Amino acid sequence: MRFAYLGSGSRGNALVVEAGSTRVLLDCGLPLVEVDTRLARLGLVASDLTAIVVTHEHGDHIGGVAKLARRNQLPVWLTAGTRAAWKAAPDEWLRTLTPHRHLTIGELDVMPYPVPHDAREPCQYVFGFEGRRVGVLTDAGSVTPYMREVLSGIDALLLEFNHDRAMLMNGPYPSFLKQRVAGNKGHLSNAQAAELLGSLDISRLQHLVLTHLSETNNTPEHALAAASDVLGAQPDWLVCAHQDAGLDWRHVN
């Protein structure tokens, strides 16, 4: 089992999760030309994909999904709320999922779970294969007990460290946008993500990837320092995913 990011941040998100012959793309907020270029960096082409799974309807997560699905005839899995809110939805390729209910895509077990974010019915995912689990959490303004339960004891955690609160509040964003980002249905700060990390069972953790870093209100150094404080060190399996460079393949052993 392995995973890689095509890109992570407010200008577009896309993650590939692979198990056996199954390759799922989680979100696609990138133009098709970028998708093709970044897949090629990973040794893939779009026709290698099995399906697309969507977290929510915001453009940095869903902007490229319709064109990619239609061009490559890929099924798109998403919640009923996301489907209702998505004006460009390619209806012929859509498959509806229910949070809390597992589904199987090829060789991958996919567990969606709801998160607090300012979208219609947002959810995040844990991907499983032969006893190994990769958990993804971005685009959540706060942490629920169920989120802690779902993400505890996993093998790889891909976790939003969106902003440094001081940088956000002292930065250039207008007041309403600062309140949205910092709100209970916005994005996780470094401190919130670190607190969540500290509450989890990380005894099996092989990879910790810090994702969805704000280019305006955060730096990799701030995010890595917050995570390292919780871990007591900065191990080589702690990395940031980047907006343009993404993240190369990481293997879950």
C-alpha atoms as a PDB file:
ATOM      1  CA  MET A   1       0.000   0.000   0.000  1.00  0.00           C
ATOM      2  CA  ARG A   2       1.312   3.453  -0.862  1.00  0.00           C
ATOM      3  CA  PHE A   3       0.161   7.045  -1.342  1.00  0.00           C
ATOM      4  CA  ALA A   4       1.340  10.280  -2.939  1.00  0.00           C
ATOM      5  CA  TYR A   5       0.111  13.859  -3.285  1.00  0.00           C
ATOM      6  CA  LEU A   6      -0.267  15.626  -6.611  1.00  0.00           C
ATOM      7  CA  GLY A   7      -0.744  18.855  -4.661  1.00  0.00           C
ATOM      8  CA  SER A   8      -1.901  20.057  -1.260  1.00  0.00           C
ATOM      9  CA  GLY A   9      -3.099  23.568  -0.433  1.00  0.00           C
ATOM     10  CA  SER A  10      -5.657  26.223  -1.235  1.00  0.00           C
ATOM     11  CA  ARG A  11      -4.728  26.241  -4.962  1.00  0.00           C
ATOM     12  CA  GLY A  12      -5.668  22.612  -5.448  1.00  0.00           C
ATOM     13  CA  ASN A  13      -5.658  19.240  -3.702  1.00  0.00           C
ATOM     14  CA  ALA A  14      -5.291  15.696  -5.003  1.00  0.00           C
ATOM     15  CA  LEU A  15      -4.062  12.499  -3.345  1.00  0.00           C
ATOM     16  CA  VAL A  16      -3.448   9.068  -4.868  1.00  0.00           C
ATOM     17  CA  VAL A  17      -3.899   5.988  -2.668  1.00  0.00           C
ATOM     18  CA  GLU A  18      -2.817   2.660  -4.156  1.00  0.00           C
ATOM     19  CA  ALA A  19      -3.337  -0.910  -3.007  1.00  0.00           C
ATOM     20  CA  GLY A  20      -2.560  -3.787  -5.357  1.00  0.00           C
ATOM     21  CA  SER A  21      -4.027  -2.863  -8.738  1.00  0.00           C
ATOM     22  CA  THR A  22      -6.427  -0.271  -7.264  1.00  0.00           C
ATOM     23  CA  ARG A  23      -5.609   3.435  -7.435  1.00  0.00           C
ATOM     24  CA  VAL A  24      -8.071   5.919  -5.972  1.00  0.00           C
ATOM     25  CA  LEU A  25      -7.741   9.667  -6.425  1.00  0.00           C
ATOM     26  CA  LEU A  26      -8.975  11.572  -3.385  1.00  0.00           C
ATOM     27  CA  ASP A  27     -10.215  14.951  -4.643  1.00  0.00           C
ATOM     28  CA  CYS A  28      -8.999  16.798  -7.703  1.00  0.00           C
ATOM     29  CA  GLY A  29      -8.786  20.566  -7.464  1.00  0.00           C
ATOM     30  CA  LEU A  30      -6.287  20.861 -10.304  1.00  0.00           C
ATOM     31  CA  PRO A  31      -6.649  21.510 -14.053  1.00  0.00           C
ATOM     32  CA  LEU A  32      -6.377  18.433 -16.265  1.00  0.00           C
ATOM     33  CA  VAL A  33      -3.002  19.464 -17.690  1.00  0.00           C
ATOM     34  CA  GLU A  34      -1.620  19.665 -14.156  1.00  0.00           C
ATOM     35  CA  VAL A  35      -3.174  16.334 -13.217  1.00  0.00           C
ATOM     36  CA  ASP A  36      -1.508  14.661 -16.178  1.00  0.00           C
ATOM     37  CA  THR A  37       1.858  16.305 -15.490  1.00  0.00           C
ATOM     38  CA  ARG A  38       1.836  15.448 -11.803  1.00  0.00           C
ATOM     39  CA  LEU A  39       0.636  11.880 -12.354  1.00  0.00           C
ATOM     40  CA  ALA A  40       3.534  11.440 -14.761  1.00  0.00           C
ATOM     41  CA  ARG A  41       5.934  12.456 -11.977  1.00  0.00           C
ATOM     42  CA  LEU A  42       4.603   9.439 -10.074  1.00  0.00           C
ATOM     43  CA  GLY A  43       4.915   7.116 -13.056  1.00  0.00           C
ATOM     44  CA  LEU A  44       1.150   7.087 -13.700  1.00  0.00           C
ATOM     45  CA  VAL A  45      -1.351   8.187 -16.303  1.00  0.00           C
ATOM     46  CA  ALA A  46      -4.991   9.049 -15.643  1.00  0.00           C
ATOM     47  CA  SER A  47      -6.191   5.784 -17.184  1.00  0.00           C
ATOM     48  CA  ASP A  48      -4.401   3.971 -14.334  1.00  0.00           C
ATOM     49  CA  LEU A  49      -6.952   5.381 -11.874  1.00  0.00           C
ATOM     50  CA  THR A  50      -9.806   3.205 -10.625  1.00  0.00           C
ATOM     51  CA  ALA A  51     -12.090   5.885  -9.165  1.00  0.00           C
ATOM     52  CA  ILE A  52     -12.281   9.359  -7.668  1.00  0.00           C
ATOM     53  CA  VAL A  53     -13.447   9.928  -4.096  1.00  0.00           C
ATOM     54  CA  VAL A  54     -14.532  13.437  -3.065  1.00  0.00           C
ATOM     55  CA  THR A  55     -14.421  15.116   0.350  1.00  0.00           C
ATOM     56  CA  HIS A  56     -16.619  18.159  -0.379  1.00  0.00           C
ATOM     57  CA  GLU A  57     -17.659  20.623  -3.057  1.00  0.00           C
ATOM     58  CA  HIS A  58     -15.149  23.466  -2.597  1.00  0.00           C
ATOM     59  CA  GLY A  59     -13.250  24.254  -5.768  1.00  0.00           C
ATOM     60  CA  ASP A  60      -9.768  23.466  -4.463  1.00  0.00           C
ATOM     61  CA  HIS A  61     -10.971  19.895  -3.918  1.00  0.00           C
ATOM     62  CA  ILE A  62     -13.495  19.322  -6.701  1.00  0.00           C
ATOM     63  CA  GLY A  63     -12.629  21.799  -9.464  1.00  0.00           C
ATOM     64  CA  GLY A  64     -11.049  19.235 -11.796  1.00  0.00           C
ATOM     65  CA  VAL A  65     -13.164  16.190 -10.937  1.00  0.00           C
ATOM     66  CA  ALA A  66     -15.910  16.515 -13.567  1.00  0.00           C
ATOM     67  CA  LYS A  67     -13.554  16.871 -16.537  1.00  0.00           C
ATOM     68  CA  LEU A  68     -11.277  14.090 -15.327  1.00  0.00           C
ATOM     69  CA  ALA A  69     -14.199  11.734 -14.683  1.00  0.00           C
ATOM     70  CA  ARG A  70     -15.783  12.351 -18.082  1.00  0.00           C
ATOM     71  CA  ARG A  71     -12.520  12.096 -20.020  1.00  0.00           C
ATOM     72  CA  ASN A  72     -11.449   8.854 -18.349  1.00  0.00           C
ATOM     73  CA  GLN A  73     -14.886   7.394 -17.532  1.00  0.00           C
ATOM     74  CA  LEU A  74     -14.144   7.207 -13.810  1.00  0.00           C
ATOM     75  CA  PRO A  75     -16.785   6.626 -11.124  1.00  0.00           C
ATOM     76  CA  VAL A  76     -16.952   9.453  -8.575  1.00  0.00           C
ATOM     77  CA  TRP A  77     -17.889   8.641  -4.978  1.00  0.00           C
ATOM     78  CA  LEU A  78     -19.323  11.416  -2.780  1.00  0.00           C
ATOM     79  CA  THR A  79     -22.002  12.159  -0.188  1.00  0.00           C
ATOM     80  CA  ALA A  80     -25.556  13.069  -1.149  1.00  0.00           C
ATOM     81  CA  GLY A  81     -25.042  16.571   0.245  1.00  0.00           C
ATOM     82  CA  THR A  82     -21.919  17.161  -1.829  1.00  0.00           C
ATOM     83  CA  ARG A  83     -23.718  15.865  -4.891  1.00  0.00           C
ATOM     84  CA  ALA A  84     -26.616  18.276  -4.320  1.00  0.00           C
ATOM     85  CA  ALA A  85     -24.267  21.238  -3.851  1.00  0.00           C
ATOM     86  CA  TRP A  86     -22.076  20.511  -6.885  1.00  0.00           C
ATOM     87  CA  LYS A  87     -23.363  22.416  -9.909  1.00  0.00           C
ATOM     88  CA  ALA A  88     -20.926  20.820 -12.366  1.00  0.00           C
ATOM     89  CA  ALA A  89     -21.652  17.263 -11.236  1.00  0.00           C
ATOM     90  CA  PRO A  90     -21.164  14.645 -14.010  1.00  0.00           C
ATOM     91  CA  ASP A  91     -24.313  12.724 -13.110  1.00  0.00           C
ATOM     92  CA  GLU A  92     -23.575   9.713 -15.279  1.00  0.00           C
ATOM     93  CA  TRP A  93     -20.448   8.898 -13.238  1.00  0.00           C
ATOM     94  CA  LEU A  94     -21.648   9.674  -9.701  1.00  0.00           C
ATOM     95  CA  ARG A  95     -21.962   7.120  -6.894  1.00  0.00           C
ATOM     96  CA  THR A  96     -23.413   8.139  -3.527  1.00  0.00           C
ATOM     97  CA  LEU A  97     -21.809   7.073  -0.265  1.00  0.00           C
ATOM     98  CA  THR A  98     -22.919   7.399   3.353  1.00  0.00           C
ATOM     99  CA  PRO A  99     -20.640   8.603   6.167  1.00  0.00           C
ATOM    100  CA  HIS A 100     -19.940   5.891   8.775  1.00  0.00           C
ATOM    101  CA  ARG A 101     -20.583   3.163   6.194  1.00  0.00           C
ATOM    102  CA  HIS A 102     -17.647   1.298   4.655  1.00  0.00           C
ATOM    103  CA  LEU A 103     -17.453   0.774   0.928  1.00  0.00           C
ATOM    104  CA  THR A 104     -15.078  -1.270  -1.189  1.00  0.00           C
ATOM    105  CA  ILE A 105     -13.357   0.148  -4.263  1.00  0.00           C
ATOM    106  CA  GLY A 106     -11.306  -2.554  -5.932  1.00  0.00           C
ATOM    107  CA  GLU A 107      -8.890  -3.807  -3.283  1.00  0.00           C
ATOM    108  CA  LEU A 108      -9.322  -0.801  -0.987  1.00  0.00           C
ATOM    109  CA  ASP A 109     -11.633  -0.584   2.004  1.00  0.00           C
ATOM    110  CA  VAL A 110     -12.878   3.000   2.246  1.00  0.00           C
ATOM    111  CA  MET A 111     -14.322   4.398   5.470  1.00  0.00           C
ATOM    112  CA  PRO A 112     -15.880   7.874   5.179  1.00  0.00           C
ATOM    113  CA  TYR A 113     -16.400   9.906   8.337  1.00  0.00           C
ATOM    114  CA  PRO A 114     -18.093  13.300   8.811  1.00  0.00           C
ATOM    115  CA  VAL A 115     -16.164  16.447   9.740  1.00  0.00           C
ATOM    116  CA  PRO A 116     -17.176  20.008  10.722  1.00  0.00           C
ATOM    117  CA  HIS A 117     -16.539  22.232   7.709  1.00  0.00           C
ATOM    118  CA  ASP A 118     -18.556  24.902   5.915  1.00  0.00           C
ATOM    119  CA  ALA A 119     -19.758  22.649   3.120  1.00  0.00           C
ATOM    120  CA  ARG A 120     -23.028  20.769   2.519  1.00  0.00           C
ATOM    121  CA  GLU A 121     -22.053  17.274   3.751  1.00  0.00           C
ATOM    122  CA  PRO A 122     -18.250  17.095   4.033  1.00  0.00           C
ATOM    123  CA  CYS A 123     -16.408  13.959   5.022  1.00  0.00           C
ATOM    124  CA  GLN A 124     -12.873  12.638   5.202  1.00  0.00           C
ATOM    125  CA  TYR A 125     -11.610   9.085   4.792  1.00  0.00           C
ATOM    126  CA  VAL A 126      -9.609   6.181   6.145  1.00  0.00           C
ATOM    127  CA  PHE A 127      -8.298   3.817   3.471  1.00  0.00           C
ATOM    128  CA  GLY A 128      -7.554   0.208   4.424  1.00  0.00           C
ATOM    129  CA  PHE A 129      -5.743  -2.720   2.817  1.00  0.00           C
ATOM    130  CA  GLU A 130      -4.664  -6.005   4.426  1.00  0.00           C
ATOM    131  CA  GLY A 131      -4.765  -4.617   7.948  1.00  0.00           C
ATOM    132  CA  ARG A 132      -2.997  -1.349   7.147  1.00  0.00           C
ATOM    133  CA  ARG A 133      -4.797   1.987   7.356  1.00  0.00           C
ATOM    134  CA  VAL A 134      -4.127   5.445   5.933  1.00  0.00           C
ATOM    135  CA  GLY A 135      -6.172   8.230   7.535  1.00  0.00           C
ATOM    136  CA  VAL A 136      -6.837  11.583   5.907  1.00  0.00           C
ATOM    137  CA  LEU A 137      -8.086  14.696   7.706  1.00  0.00           C
ATOM    138  CA  THR A 138      -8.221  18.133   6.124  1.00  0.00           C
ATOM    139  CA  ASP A 139     -10.809  20.918   5.951  1.00  0.00           C
ATOM    140  CA  ALA A 140     -12.140  20.679   9.482  1.00  0.00           C
ATOM    141  CA  GLY A 141     -12.503  23.617  11.831  1.00  0.00           C
ATOM    142  CA  SER A 142     -12.680  21.574  15.016  1.00  0.00           C
ATOM    143  CA  VAL A 143     -12.160  18.035  16.295  1.00  0.00           C
ATOM    144  CA  THR A 144     -14.938  15.679  17.377  1.00  0.00           C
ATOM    145  CA  PRO A 145     -14.626  12.600  19.611  1.00  0.00           C
ATOM    146  CA  TYR A 146     -15.498  10.409  16.638  1.00  0.00           C
ATOM    147  CA  MET A 147     -12.669  11.895  14.584  1.00  0.00           C
ATOM    148  CA  ARG A 148     -10.247  10.975  17.384  1.00  0.00           C
ATOM    149  CA  GLU A 149     -11.647   7.443  17.453  1.00  0.00           C
ATOM    150  CA  VAL A 150     -11.386   6.937  13.701  1.00  0.00           C
ATOM    151  CA  LEU A 151      -7.806   8.233  13.446  1.00  0.00           C
ATOM    152  CA  SER A 152      -6.355   6.427  16.456  1.00  0.00           C
ATOM    153  CA  GLY A 153      -4.048   3.482  15.848  1.00  0.00           C
ATOM    154  CA  ILE A 154      -3.561   4.022  12.114  1.00  0.00           C
ATOM    155  CA  ASP A 155      -0.386   3.401  10.089  1.00  0.00           C
ATOM    156  CA  ALA A 156      -0.226   6.709   8.195  1.00  0.00           C
ATOM    157  CA  LEU A 157      -1.855  10.028   9.051  1.00  0.00           C
ATOM    158  CA  LEU A 158      -2.291  12.811   6.499  1.00  0.00           C
ATOM    159  CA  LEU A 159      -3.295  15.723   8.706  1.00  0.00           C
ATOM    160  CA  GLU A 160      -4.177  19.342   8.038  1.00  0.00           C
ATOM    161  CA  PHE A 161      -1.859  21.911   9.624  1.00  0.00           C
ATOM    162  CA  ASN A 162      -3.499  24.824   7.840  1.00  0.00           C
ATOM    163  CA  HIS A 163      -2.463  27.955   9.678  1.00  0.00           C
ATOM    164  CA  ASP A 164      -0.496  29.502  12.478  1.00  0.00           C
ATOM    165  CA  ARG A 165      -3.109  31.453  14.403  1.00  0.00           C
ATOM    166  CA  ALA A 166      -0.871  34.468  15.066  1.00  0.00           C
ATOM    167  CA  MET A 167       0.107  34.672  11.394  1.00  0.00           C
ATOM    168  CA  LEU A 168      -3.549  34.441  10.392  1.00  0.00           C
ATOM    169  CA  MET A 169      -4.768  37.117  12.784  1.00  0.00           C
ATOM    170  CA  ASN A 170      -1.896  39.491  11.975  1.00  0.00           C
ATOM    171  CA  GLY A 171      -1.904  38.737   8.259  1.00  0.00           C
ATOM    172  CA  PRO A 172      -3.489  40.324   5.183  1.00  0.00           C
ATOM    173  CA  TYR A 173      -6.799  38.431   5.088  1.00  0.00           C
ATOM    174  CA  PRO A 174      -9.940  40.552   5.611  1.00  0.00           C
ATOM    175  CA  SER A 175     -11.647  40.110   8.962  1.00  0.00           C
ATOM    176  CA  PHE A 176     -14.508  37.938   7.670  1.00  0.00           C
ATOM    177  CA  LEU A 177     -12.057  35.507   6.049  1.00  0.00           C
ATOM    178  CA  LYS A 178      -9.919  35.296   9.180  1.00  0.00           C
ATOM    179  CA  GLN A 179     -13.031  34.406  11.153  1.00  0.00           C
ATOM    180  CA  ARG A 180     -14.038  31.782   8.589  1.00  0.00           C
ATOM    181  CA  VAL A 181     -10.638  30.073   8.563  1.00  0.00           C
ATOM    182  CA  ALA A 182     -10.339  30.120  12.363  1.00  0.00           C
ATOM    183  CA  GLY A 183     -13.981  29.183  12.982  1.00  0.00           C
ATOM    184  CA  ASN A 184     -15.401  25.871  14.124  1.00  0.00           C
ATOM    185  CA  LYS A 185     -16.188  24.955  10.511  1.00  0.00           C
ATOM    186  CA  GLY A 186     -13.025  26.347   8.967  1.00  0.00           C
ATOM    187  CA  HIS A 187      -9.540  24.815   8.997  1.00  0.00           C
ATOM    188  CA  LEU A 188      -7.329  23.277  11.654  1.00  0.00           C
ATOM    189  CA  SER A 189      -4.560  25.457  13.049  1.00  0.00           C
ATOM    190  CA  ASN A 190      -1.123  24.090  13.885  1.00  0.00           C
ATOM    191  CA  ALA A 191      -2.104  24.079  17.557  1.00  0.00           C
ATOM    192  CA  GLN A 192      -5.405  22.247  16.954  1.00  0.00           C
ATOM    193  CA  ALA A 193      -3.762  19.631  14.762  1.00  0.00           C
ATOM    194  CA  ALA A 194      -0.968  19.132  17.273  1.00  0.00           C
ATOM    195  CA  GLU A 195      -3.485  18.708  20.089  1.00  0.00           C
ATOM    196  CA  LEU A 196      -5.336  16.082  18.070  1.00  0.00           C
ATOM    197  CA  LEU A 197      -2.094  14.290  17.279  1.00  0.00           C
ATOM    198  CA  GLY A 198      -1.189  14.220  20.953  1.00  0.00           C
ATOM    199  CA  SER A 199      -4.504  12.571  21.842  1.00  0.00           C
ATOM    200  CA  LEU A 200      -4.148   9.673  19.375  1.00  0.00           C
ATOM    201  CA  ASP A 201      -2.625   6.225  19.678  1.00  0.00           C
ATOM    202  CA  ILE A 202       0.344   6.627  17.317  1.00  0.00           C
ATOM    203  CA  SER A 203       2.114   3.378  18.226  1.00  0.00           C
ATOM    204  CA  ARG A 204       1.681   2.050  14.659  1.00  0.00           C
ATOM    205  CA  LEU A 205       2.406   5.334  12.869  1.00  0.00           C
ATOM    206  CA  GLN A 206       4.855   5.043   9.955  1.00  0.00           C
ATOM    207  CA  HIS A 207       4.056   8.314   8.203  1.00  0.00           C
ATOM    208  CA  LEU A 208       2.842  11.701   9.390  1.00  0.00           C
ATOM    209  CA  VAL A 209       2.202  14.082   6.509  1.00  0.00           C
ATOM    210  CA  LEU A 210       1.289  17.698   7.250  1.00  0.00           C
ATOM    211  CA  THR A 211      -1.146  18.898   4.605  1.00  0.00           C
ATOM    212  CA  HIS A 212      -3.157  21.880   3.347  1.00  0.00           C
ATOM    213  CA  LEU A 213      -0.617  24.412   4.678  1.00  0.00           C
ATOM    214  CA  SER A 214      -1.651  27.987   3.964  1.00  0.00           C
ATOM    215  CA  GLU A 215       0.883  29.797   1.797  1.00  0.00           C
ATOM    216  CA  THR A 216      -0.115  33.088   3.473  1.00  0.00           C
ATOM    217  CA  ASN A 217      -0.748  32.114   7.087  1.00  0.00           C
ATOM    218  CA  ASN A 218       1.735  29.310   7.755  1.00  0.00           C
ATOM    219  CA  THR A 219       5.181  27.988   6.948  1.00  0.00           C
ATOM    220  CA  PRO A 220       6.502  24.423   6.832  1.00  0.00           C
ATOM    221  CA  GLU A 221       8.835  25.372   9.683  1.00  0.00           C
ATOM    222  CA  HIS A 222       5.930  26.456  11.924  1.00  0.00           C
ATOM    223  CA  ALA A 223       3.925  23.316  11.126  1.00  0.00           C
ATOM    224  CA  LEU A 224       6.838  20.908  11.559  1.00  0.00           C
ATOM    225  CA  ALA A 225       7.779  22.526  14.870  1.00  0.00           C
ATOM    226  CA  ALA A 226       4.233  22.094  16.211  1.00  0.00           C
ATOM    227  CA  ALA A 227       4.135  18.422  15.226  1.00  0.00           C
ATOM    228  CA  SER A 228       7.674  17.760  16.464  1.00  0.00           C
ATOM    229  CA  ASP A 229       6.832  19.192  19.882  1.00  0.00           C
ATOM    230  CA  VAL A 230       4.127  16.551  20.281  1.00  0.00           C
ATOM    231  CA  LEU A 231       6.313  13.725  18.989  1.00  0.00           C
ATOM    232  CA  GLY A 232       9.327  14.792  21.051  1.00  0.00           C
ATOM    233  CA  ALA A 233      11.507  14.740  17.929  1.00  0.00           C
ATOM    234  CA  GLN A 234      11.385  15.350  14.178  1.00  0.00           C
ATOM    235  CA  PRO A 235      11.599  11.828  12.694  1.00  0.00           C
ATOM    236  CA  ASP A 236      12.281  11.245   9.017  1.00  0.00           C
ATOM    237  CA  TRP A 237       8.706   9.998   8.574  1.00  0.00           C
ATOM    238  CA  LEU A 238       7.367  13.487   9.427  1.00  0.00           C
ATOM    239  CA  VAL A 239       7.049  15.545   6.227  1.00  0.00           C
ATOM    240  CA  CYS A 240       4.992  18.306   4.627  1.00  0.00           C
ATOM    241  CA  ALA A 241       3.017  17.899   1.418  1.00  0.00           C
ATOM    242  CA  HIS A 242       3.464  20.904  -0.871  1.00  0.00           C
ATOM    243  CA  GLN A 243       1.162  22.839  -3.151  1.00  0.00           C
ATOM    244  CA  ASP A 244       3.210  22.490  -6.328  1.00  0.00           C
ATOM    245  CA  ALA A 245       5.693  19.688  -5.562  1.00  0.00           C
ATOM    246  CA  GLY A 246       3.063  17.494  -3.893  1.00  0.00           C
ATOM    247  CA  LEU A 247       4.654  14.494  -2.177  1.00  0.00           C
ATOM    248  CA  ASP A 248       6.371  11.502  -3.746  1.00  0.00           C
ATOM    249  CA  TRP A 249       5.270   7.946  -3.033  1.00  0.00           C
ATOM    250  CA  ARG A 250       5.283   6.885   0.616  1.00  0.00           C
ATOM    251  CA  HIS A 251       4.999   3.156   1.287  1.00  0.00           C
ATOM    252  CA  VAL A 252       2.993   1.682   4.170  1.00  0.00           C
ATOM    253  CA  ASN A 253       4.787  -1.501   5.202  1.00  0.00           C
END
